[in-house]
Amino acid sequence: RKIPAEWIDQIEAVIFMVDASESPNSLDRECLDSIRKLNRPFLVVANKADRRSFAENLNDYAKMTGKSPIEVSVEKKEGLKDLEEIVLSTLLPLAHKDESKTAQKAADLKILILGRPNSGKSSLINRLAGTKISMVSEIPGTTRDSIECRKKIKNKEWEFVDSAGVRKKAKIYGKHSDPVEIFSSLKAMEELKRCDLCILLIEPHARALMATQDKKLLRLVRESLVPTLLAVNKWDLMKEDWKDGAYRSELRRDLGEMYFLPSICISAKTGYHIKHLLDELIQMEARRKKIPTSQLNKWLEKIQRLKQPRVAKRGIQAKGLRTPNQYLKYNYMVQTGESPMSFQIFCNAPQSVPKDEKRFIENSMRESFDLGGLPLSINFRAKSKGKTFSIRSKSR
């Protein structure tokens, strides 16, 4: 009957559901008082209104609320379409009417909590908020919409977003697909594009392996170029069988080219390592920075001296003469962005940069400039002809 204080800022409108088979009672009046204190637009919906003998009760509800109840029968699925139209055409426009006046200031940093259904995302955001703002259930798919909580960290406003769990495409779009789940999954992917950092939440495995769906989510994160922390939740169920460090080392073997991804073992239920999780996010955010061009080019000269020049184009033998080999040479580089960390390297043959050379450059940059845990976008470009060859480093 009492609306939790932490929900109030998130409420835009209210549907007050009453039981048409009963006349108004003290509990209904308490609920109405709470709704009126919110000062939000609301509708009165009378369920079980399929029997005409309840007409007198409907009149009593109208007198009590000052609004005509919208009659529905959820069991018989009657009146639901009308209710939907009224909500869309009347209630939501009222809720958004003063949106510009009540809009909350944008957070300094947005962190998305992403994962499969039932991986513990709601438990984690409740733990971060210090109170229950998201429903927790053993039933996968309980969270259908994004839930946000804000936290003041290092004098900055951080917004954590609990997204809906993302299942396999075959289950989302299959024979028994749920339109709400499809919308929720798409919305989670949209949130990924807008966030600054991501926590990919997974469940522990007896052999320290990632589930197939977790790897697919990791691939999506990789393509988004969002700095991501891999959090192994429910560690309280695994700590008797594994040491924290040993598990993460073994898990790194299963990450493939994403083995640079930072990881941490936590328990949203008990609070284990939640402080360490926040510390890791703070460090990841601090690593995003502007690197002076002079430092970048000194580093570029240094790494070229460390390796033998690669042949970009072999010379041609003709009439007893041979043209010289053309070697790959990096001229200079600049930083073009911080979110993600983006760089351009100008060279004489961008199309000839081999994969192992790209990996060497990425790994050297992370080590030299303390960029561990950050995705890098590196573009190789021929200065004279304007040809480009892009690579995106997804390893952390």
Protein backbone atom coordinates (compact mmCIF):
# COMPACT_ATOMS: atom_id res chain seq x y z
CA ARG A 1 0.00 0.00 0.00
CA LYS A 2 2.93 2.31 0.66
CA ILE A 3 4.93 3.22 -2.42
CA PRO A 4 8.70 2.74 -1.79
CA ALA A 5 10.53 6.08 -1.81
CA GLU A 6 13.11 4.82 -4.34
CA TRP A 7 10.33 4.15 -6.89
CA ILE A 8 8.78 7.61 -6.77
CA ASP A 9 11.16 9.37 -9.19
CA GLN A 10 10.64 6.59 -11.76
CA ILE A 11 6.82 6.70 -11.73
CA GLU A 12 5.28 8.74 -14.56
CA ALA A 13 1.67 7.59 -14.36
CA VAL A 14 -0.45 5.15 -12.36
CA ILE A 15 -3.14 2.57 -13.11
CA PHE A 16 -5.23 2.10 -9.96
CA MET A 17 -6.69 -1.42 -10.19
CA VAL A 18 -9.79 -2.14 -8.09
CA ASP A 19 -12.01 -5.20 -7.64
CA ALA A 20 -15.44 -4.56 -9.13
CA SER A 21 -16.89 -7.55 -7.26
CA GLU A 22 -16.38 -5.71 -3.95
CA SER A 23 -17.33 -2.27 -2.75
CA PRO A 24 -14.53 0.18 -1.81
CA ASN A 25 -12.84 -0.58 1.51
CA SER A 26 -10.20 1.01 3.74
CA LEU A 27 -7.32 -0.55 1.77
CA ASP A 28 -8.61 0.99 -1.44
CA ARG A 29 -8.75 4.38 0.26
CA GLU A 30 -5.18 4.03 1.55
CA CYS A 31 -3.97 3.19 -1.96
CA LEU A 32 -5.82 6.17 -3.39
CA ASP A 33 -4.24 8.48 -0.78
CA SER A 34 -0.76 7.23 -1.75
CA ILE A 35 -1.50 7.77 -5.44
CA ARG A 36 -2.76 11.30 -4.89
CA LYS A 37 0.37 12.19 -2.88
CA LEU A 38 2.44 11.25 -5.93
CA ASN A 39 0.79 14.02 -7.94
CA ARG A 40 0.89 11.87 -11.10
CA PRO A 41 -1.90 11.30 -13.64
CA PHE A 42 -3.82 8.08 -12.99
CA LEU A 43 -6.62 5.90 -14.30
CA VAL A 44 -9.05 3.74 -12.35
CA VAL A 45 -9.46 0.25 -13.79
CA ALA A 46 -12.17 -2.06 -12.43
CA ASN A 47 -11.35 -5.72 -12.92
CA LYS A 48 -13.99 -8.50 -12.83
CA ALA A 49 -16.48 -6.03 -14.30
CA ASP A 50 -18.11 -8.57 -16.61
CA ARG A 51 -21.15 -9.01 -14.34
CA ARG A 52 -23.81 -6.29 -14.36
CA SER A 53 -24.64 -6.96 -10.69
CA PHE A 54 -21.47 -5.01 -9.80
CA ALA A 55 -22.77 -1.71 -11.25
CA GLU A 56 -23.40 -0.25 -7.78
CA ASN A 57 -19.78 -0.94 -6.76
CA LEU A 58 -18.57 0.85 -9.89
CA ASN A 59 -20.61 3.93 -8.93
CA ASP A 60 -19.02 3.87 -5.45
CA TYR A 61 -15.52 3.75 -6.97
CA ALA A 62 -16.40 6.66 -9.26
CA LYS A 63 -17.54 8.75 -6.28
CA MET A 64 -14.44 7.84 -4.24
CA THR A 65 -11.87 8.62 -6.97
CA GLY A 66 -13.69 11.29 -8.99
CA LYS A 67 -13.01 9.22 -12.13
CA SER A 68 -15.15 6.80 -14.11
CA PRO A 69 -13.64 3.30 -13.78
CA ILE A 70 -12.57 1.59 -17.00
CA GLU A 71 -14.27 -1.80 -16.96
CA VAL A 72 -12.22 -4.89 -17.82
CA SER A 73 -12.16 -8.62 -17.21
CA VAL A 74 -8.61 -9.91 -17.24
CA GLU A 75 -9.76 -13.53 -16.92
CA LYS A 76 -12.03 -13.30 -19.96
CA LYS A 77 -9.73 -10.84 -21.76
CA GLU A 78 -12.52 -8.29 -22.14
CA GLY A 79 -11.93 -4.54 -22.34
CA LEU A 80 -8.12 -4.86 -22.50
CA LYS A 81 -7.87 -3.42 -25.99
CA ASP A 82 -9.90 -0.38 -24.95
CA LEU A 83 -7.69 0.02 -21.87
CA GLU A 84 -4.56 -0.04 -24.04
CA GLU A 85 -5.95 2.66 -26.33
CA ILE A 86 -6.90 4.87 -23.38
CA VAL A 87 -3.44 4.49 -21.81
CA LEU A 88 -1.71 5.38 -25.08
CA SER A 89 -4.03 8.21 -26.09
CA THR A 90 -4.83 9.78 -22.71
CA LEU A 91 -2.64 8.67 -19.79
CA LEU A 92 0.84 8.79 -21.37
CA PRO A 93 0.38 12.21 -23.02
CA LEU A 94 -0.60 13.58 -19.59
CA ALA A 95 2.48 11.96 -18.03
CA HIS A 96 4.81 13.51 -20.63
CA LYS A 97 3.12 16.91 -20.67
CA ASP A 98 5.54 18.47 -18.16
CA GLU A 99 8.47 16.21 -19.01
CA SER A 100 10.75 19.15 -19.84
CA LYS A 101 10.18 20.63 -16.38
CA THR A 102 10.72 17.41 -14.42
CA ALA A 103 13.44 15.81 -16.54
CA GLN A 104 16.25 14.45 -14.44
CA LYS A 105 19.73 15.76 -15.06
CA ALA A 106 21.71 13.40 -17.28
CA ALA A 107 24.13 11.15 -15.40
CA ASP A 108 27.87 11.67 -15.81
CA LEU A 109 28.34 7.98 -16.55
CA LYS A 110 25.95 5.25 -17.66
CA ILE A 111 26.74 1.60 -16.86
CA LEU A 112 24.68 -1.20 -18.40
CA ILE A 113 24.24 -4.53 -16.59
CA LEU A 114 23.89 -7.11 -19.36
CA GLY A 115 23.41 -10.87 -19.15
CA ARG A 116 21.27 -13.92 -19.73
CA PRO A 117 17.94 -14.29 -17.88
CA ASN A 118 18.33 -15.28 -14.22
CA SER A 119 22.04 -14.40 -14.11
CA GLY A 120 21.39 -12.08 -11.15
CA LYS A 121 21.14 -8.65 -12.81
CA SER A 122 18.22 -7.54 -10.64
CA SER A 123 19.97 -8.74 -7.48
CA LEU A 124 23.06 -6.76 -8.47
CA ILE A 125 21.22 -3.50 -9.10
CA ASN A 126 19.35 -3.94 -5.80
CA ARG A 127 22.69 -4.43 -4.07
CA LEU A 128 24.14 -1.32 -5.74
CA ALA A 129 21.05 0.72 -4.86
CA GLY A 130 21.10 -0.52 -1.27
CA THR A 131 17.41 -1.35 -1.47
CA LYS A 132 14.94 -3.40 -3.52
CA ILE A 133 14.17 -1.48 -6.72
CA SER A 134 13.94 -4.49 -9.07
CA MET A 135 11.93 -7.66 -8.61
CA VAL A 136 14.02 -10.78 -7.96
CA SER A 137 12.67 -14.21 -8.89
CA GLU A 138 13.92 -17.69 -9.74
CA ILE A 139 11.75 -17.47 -12.86
CA PRO A 140 13.90 -16.34 -15.84
CA GLY A 141 12.66 -13.24 -17.63
CA THR A 142 11.08 -11.50 -14.62
CA THR A 143 12.61 -8.15 -15.60
CA ARG A 144 10.96 -6.94 -18.82
CA ASP A 145 11.99 -3.28 -18.82
CA SER A 146 15.12 -1.37 -17.89
CA ILE A 147 15.50 -0.45 -14.21
CA GLU A 148 17.86 2.38 -13.25
CA CYS A 149 19.56 3.41 -10.04
CA ARG A 150 21.93 6.31 -9.45
CA LYS A 151 24.98 6.38 -7.23
CA LYS A 152 27.41 9.19 -6.36
CA ILE A 153 30.94 7.89 -7.04
CA LYS A 154 34.07 10.06 -7.01
CA ASN A 155 31.92 13.23 -7.17
CA LYS A 156 30.20 11.96 -10.31
CA GLU A 157 26.64 10.77 -10.90
CA TRP A 158 26.74 7.14 -12.07
CA GLU A 159 23.61 5.54 -13.48
CA PHE A 160 23.37 1.74 -13.42
CA VAL A 161 20.83 0.17 -15.79
CA ASP A 162 19.41 -3.32 -15.22
CA SER A 163 18.42 -4.56 -18.68
CA ALA A 164 16.05 -7.39 -19.53
CA GLY A 165 17.75 -10.78 -19.84
CA VAL A 166 18.67 -11.67 -23.42
CA ARG A 167 17.95 -15.26 -24.51
CA LYS A 168 18.88 -17.10 -27.70
CA LYS A 169 17.28 -15.69 -30.86
CA ALA A 170 15.49 -19.00 -31.50
CA LYS A 171 13.75 -18.71 -28.14
CA ILE A 172 12.97 -15.00 -28.48
CA TYR A 173 11.60 -15.17 -32.04
CA GLY A 174 10.47 -18.81 -32.05
CA LYS A 175 7.03 -20.38 -32.28
CA HIS A 176 5.98 -19.21 -28.82
CA SER A 177 7.58 -15.78 -29.06
CA ASP A 178 6.47 -13.03 -26.69
CA PRO A 179 6.20 -9.51 -28.22
CA VAL A 180 7.12 -7.97 -24.86
CA GLU A 181 10.29 -10.08 -24.66
CA ILE A 182 11.24 -9.17 -28.23
CA PHE A 183 10.85 -5.47 -27.40
CA SER A 184 12.79 -5.87 -24.12
CA SER A 185 15.71 -7.61 -25.86
CA LEU A 186 15.88 -4.95 -28.57
CA LYS A 187 15.79 -2.25 -25.91
CA ALA A 188 18.69 -3.91 -24.06
CA MET A 189 20.74 -3.80 -27.26
CA GLU A 190 19.86 -0.12 -27.73
CA GLU A 191 20.97 0.59 -24.16
CA LEU A 192 24.32 -1.04 -25.01
CA LYS A 193 24.88 1.51 -27.78
CA ARG A 194 24.23 4.40 -25.38
CA CYS A 195 26.16 3.27 -22.30
CA ASP A 196 29.68 4.31 -21.25
CA LEU A 197 30.64 1.06 -19.51
CA CYS A 198 29.14 -2.42 -19.40
CA ILE A 199 29.04 -5.17 -16.78
CA LEU A 200 28.54 -8.53 -18.48
CA LEU A 201 27.10 -10.77 -15.78
CA ILE A 202 27.58 -14.53 -16.12
CA GLU A 203 26.98 -17.54 -13.89
CA PRO A 204 29.90 -19.70 -12.70
CA HIS A 205 30.63 -23.02 -14.39
CA ALA A 206 32.15 -26.11 -12.77
CA ARG A 207 34.94 -26.08 -15.41
CA ALA A 208 35.25 -22.27 -15.66
CA LEU A 209 33.63 -22.13 -19.10
CA MET A 210 31.29 -19.55 -20.61
CA ALA A 211 27.82 -20.58 -21.80
CA THR A 212 27.14 -20.33 -25.53
CA GLN A 213 24.71 -17.44 -25.05
CA ASP A 214 27.24 -15.60 -22.86
CA LYS A 215 29.76 -15.83 -25.71
CA LYS A 216 27.18 -14.40 -28.11
CA LEU A 217 26.56 -11.48 -25.75
CA LEU A 218 30.32 -11.02 -25.47
CA ARG A 219 30.47 -10.78 -29.26
CA LEU A 220 27.81 -8.04 -29.21
CA VAL A 221 29.76 -6.16 -26.55
CA ARG A 222 32.90 -6.56 -28.61
CA GLU A 223 31.25 -5.06 -31.70
CA SER A 224 29.90 -2.12 -29.68
CA LEU A 225 33.43 -1.14 -28.52
CA VAL A 226 32.06 -0.45 -25.02
CA PRO A 227 34.57 -1.01 -22.18
CA THR A 228 33.28 -4.11 -20.41
CA LEU A 229 33.87 -5.83 -17.08
CA LEU A 230 33.11 -9.56 -16.94
CA ALA A 231 31.48 -10.32 -13.58
CA VAL A 232 31.06 -13.94 -12.47
CA ASN A 233 28.01 -13.77 -10.18
CA LYS A 234 26.75 -16.28 -7.57
CA TRP A 235 30.31 -16.91 -6.43
CA ASP A 236 28.95 -18.05 -3.05
CA LEU A 237 27.88 -21.27 -4.82
CA MET A 238 31.35 -21.91 -6.25
CA LYS A 239 33.90 -20.68 -3.68
CA GLU A 240 34.20 -24.10 -2.00
CA ASP A 241 35.39 -25.67 -5.28
CA TRP A 242 37.52 -22.88 -6.79
CA LYS A 243 39.92 -20.17 -5.69
CA ASP A 244 38.98 -16.77 -7.08
CA GLY A 245 42.24 -16.18 -9.00
CA ALA A 246 42.46 -19.74 -10.34
CA TYR A 247 38.92 -19.56 -11.71
CA ARG A 248 39.54 -16.27 -13.52
CA SER A 249 42.80 -17.57 -14.99
CA GLU A 250 41.02 -20.64 -16.33
CA LEU A 251 38.11 -18.56 -17.61
CA ARG A 252 40.55 -16.39 -19.57
CA ARG A 253 41.43 -19.47 -21.67
CA ASP A 254 37.81 -19.64 -22.82
CA LEU A 255 37.65 -15.98 -23.87
CA GLY A 256 39.72 -16.48 -27.03
CA GLU A 257 40.81 -13.13 -28.48
CA MET A 258 38.95 -11.44 -25.64
CA TYR A 259 41.38 -12.76 -23.03
CA PHE A 260 42.31 -9.18 -22.09
CA LEU A 261 38.82 -8.64 -20.72
CA PRO A 262 39.03 -7.79 -16.98
CA SER A 263 37.04 -10.17 -14.78
CA ILE A 264 35.89 -10.36 -11.17
CA CYS A 265 34.03 -12.93 -9.06
CA ILE A 266 31.13 -11.47 -7.07
CA SER A 267 27.97 -12.41 -5.21
CA ALA A 268 25.13 -9.91 -5.55
CA LYS A 269 23.25 -11.92 -2.91
CA THR A 270 25.91 -11.67 -0.17
CA GLY A 271 27.70 -8.50 -1.33
CA TYR A 272 31.01 -10.32 -1.91
CA HIS A 273 33.47 -8.16 -3.95
CA ILE A 274 30.84 -5.51 -4.83
CA LYS A 275 33.26 -2.80 -3.66
CA HIS A 276 36.00 -4.33 -5.82
CA LEU A 277 33.60 -4.30 -8.78
CA LEU A 278 33.06 -0.54 -8.34
CA ASP A 279 36.81 0.03 -7.96
CA GLU A 280 37.46 -1.83 -11.23
CA LEU A 281 34.86 0.31 -13.03
CA ILE A 282 36.46 3.48 -11.63
CA GLN A 283 39.85 2.36 -12.97
CA MET A 284 38.43 1.51 -16.40
CA GLU A 285 36.82 4.94 -16.66
CA ALA A 286 40.04 6.66 -15.54
CA ARG A 287 42.01 4.98 -18.35
CA ARG A 288 40.01 6.78 -21.02
CA LYS A 289 42.14 9.80 -21.73
CA LYS A 290 43.74 12.03 -24.34
CA ILE A 291 47.29 10.91 -25.16
CA PRO A 292 49.57 13.70 -26.47
CA THR A 293 50.50 13.23 -30.14
CA SER A 294 54.20 13.63 -29.31
CA GLN A 295 54.05 10.64 -26.93
CA LEU A 296 52.21 8.53 -29.50
CA ASN A 297 54.83 9.18 -32.17
CA LYS A 298 57.78 8.52 -29.87
CA TRP A 299 56.14 5.21 -29.02
CA LEU A 300 55.53 4.48 -32.73
CA GLU A 301 59.22 5.02 -33.50
CA LYS A 302 60.20 2.77 -30.61
CA ILE A 303 58.08 -0.22 -31.64
CA GLN A 304 59.34 0.00 -35.22
CA ARG A 305 62.89 -0.40 -33.90
CA LEU A 306 61.85 -3.48 -31.89
CA LYS A 307 60.75 -5.49 -34.94
CA GLN A 308 62.29 -6.22 -38.30
CA PRO A 309 60.49 -4.27 -41.06
CA ARG A 310 57.76 -6.25 -42.82
CA VAL A 311 57.78 -6.57 -46.60
CA ALA A 312 54.80 -4.71 -48.03
CA LYS A 313 55.55 -5.48 -51.68
CA ARG A 314 58.24 -7.72 -53.09
CA GLY A 315 60.48 -6.54 -55.90
CA ILE A 316 59.97 -7.78 -59.48
CA GLN A 317 62.64 -9.77 -61.39
CA ALA A 318 62.88 -8.77 -65.07
CA LYS A 319 65.70 -8.92 -67.67
CA GLY A 320 68.31 -9.76 -65.09
CA LEU A 321 67.32 -6.81 -62.94
CA ARG A 322 65.24 -6.77 -59.77
CA THR A 323 63.35 -3.87 -58.30
CA PRO A 324 63.85 -3.41 -54.53
CA ASN A 325 61.36 -4.69 -51.96
CA GLN A 326 58.96 -2.17 -50.50
CA TYR A 327 58.90 -2.31 -46.70
CA LEU A 328 56.04 -1.36 -44.42
CA LYS A 329 56.74 1.95 -42.72
CA TYR A 330 54.65 3.87 -40.21
CA ASN A 331 54.98 7.63 -40.65
CA TYR A 332 53.04 9.05 -37.70
CA MET A 333 49.85 8.59 -35.64
CA VAL A 334 47.18 10.68 -33.95
CA GLN A 335 44.35 10.04 -31.50
CA THR A 336 40.90 10.72 -32.95
CA GLY A 337 38.61 9.89 -30.01
CA GLU A 338 38.31 8.80 -26.37
CA SER A 339 35.00 6.92 -26.44
CA PRO A 340 36.06 4.51 -27.78
CA MET A 341 39.81 5.12 -27.73
CA SER A 342 40.42 5.72 -31.45
CA PHE A 343 43.66 6.21 -33.36
CA GLN A 344 44.89 6.73 -36.93
CA ILE A 345 48.26 5.45 -38.07
CA PHE A 346 49.54 6.82 -41.37
CA CYS A 347 51.75 4.42 -43.32
CA ASN A 348 52.93 3.66 -46.84
CA ALA A 349 50.94 0.41 -47.33
CA PRO A 350 47.87 0.14 -45.04
CA GLN A 351 46.49 -2.86 -46.92
CA SER A 352 49.66 -4.83 -46.14
CA VAL A 353 49.56 -4.63 -42.33
CA PRO A 354 49.36 -8.31 -41.23
CA LYS A 355 47.12 -9.55 -38.43
CA ASP A 356 49.95 -10.42 -36.07
CA GLU A 357 51.32 -6.88 -36.55
CA LYS A 358 47.93 -5.43 -35.61
CA ARG A 359 47.79 -7.56 -32.46
CA PHE A 360 51.35 -6.52 -31.58
CA ILE A 361 50.46 -2.82 -31.92
CA GLU A 362 47.28 -3.21 -29.83
CA ASN A 363 49.00 -5.13 -27.05
CA SER A 364 51.93 -2.72 -26.99
CA MET A 365 49.59 0.27 -26.75
CA ARG A 366 47.74 -1.22 -23.79
CA GLU A 367 50.96 -1.95 -21.97
CA SER A 368 52.68 1.36 -22.75
CA PHE A 369 49.74 3.70 -22.10
CA ASP A 370 47.88 1.77 -19.35
CA LEU A 371 44.83 1.05 -21.52
CA GLY A 372 44.03 -2.37 -20.04
CA GLY A 373 40.32 -3.18 -20.21
CA LEU A 374 39.58 -0.65 -22.97
CA PRO A 375 38.60 -1.48 -26.55
CA LEU A 376 40.76 0.19 -29.20
CA SER A 377 39.75 1.33 -32.66
CA ILE A 378 42.83 1.65 -34.90
CA ASN A 379 42.64 2.93 -38.44
CA PHE A 380 45.60 2.45 -40.83
CA ARG A 381 45.68 5.09 -43.51
CA ALA A 382 47.78 5.97 -46.54
CA LYS A 383 48.42 9.69 -46.27
CA SER A 384 49.01 10.42 -49.95
CA LYS A 385 46.26 8.42 -51.63
CA GLY A 386 43.70 8.59 -48.85
CA LYS A 387 43.17 4.82 -48.77
CA THR A 388 42.08 3.41 -45.44
CA PHE A 389 42.13 0.02 -43.79
CA SER A 390 40.30 -0.21 -40.47
CA ILE A 391 40.69 -2.65 -37.62
CA ARG A 392 38.85 -2.69 -34.37
CA SER A 393 40.45 -4.27 -31.38
CA LYS A 394 37.84 -5.96 -29.22
CA SER A 395 40.20 -7.54 -26.73
CA ARG A 396 40.65 -5.68 -23.48
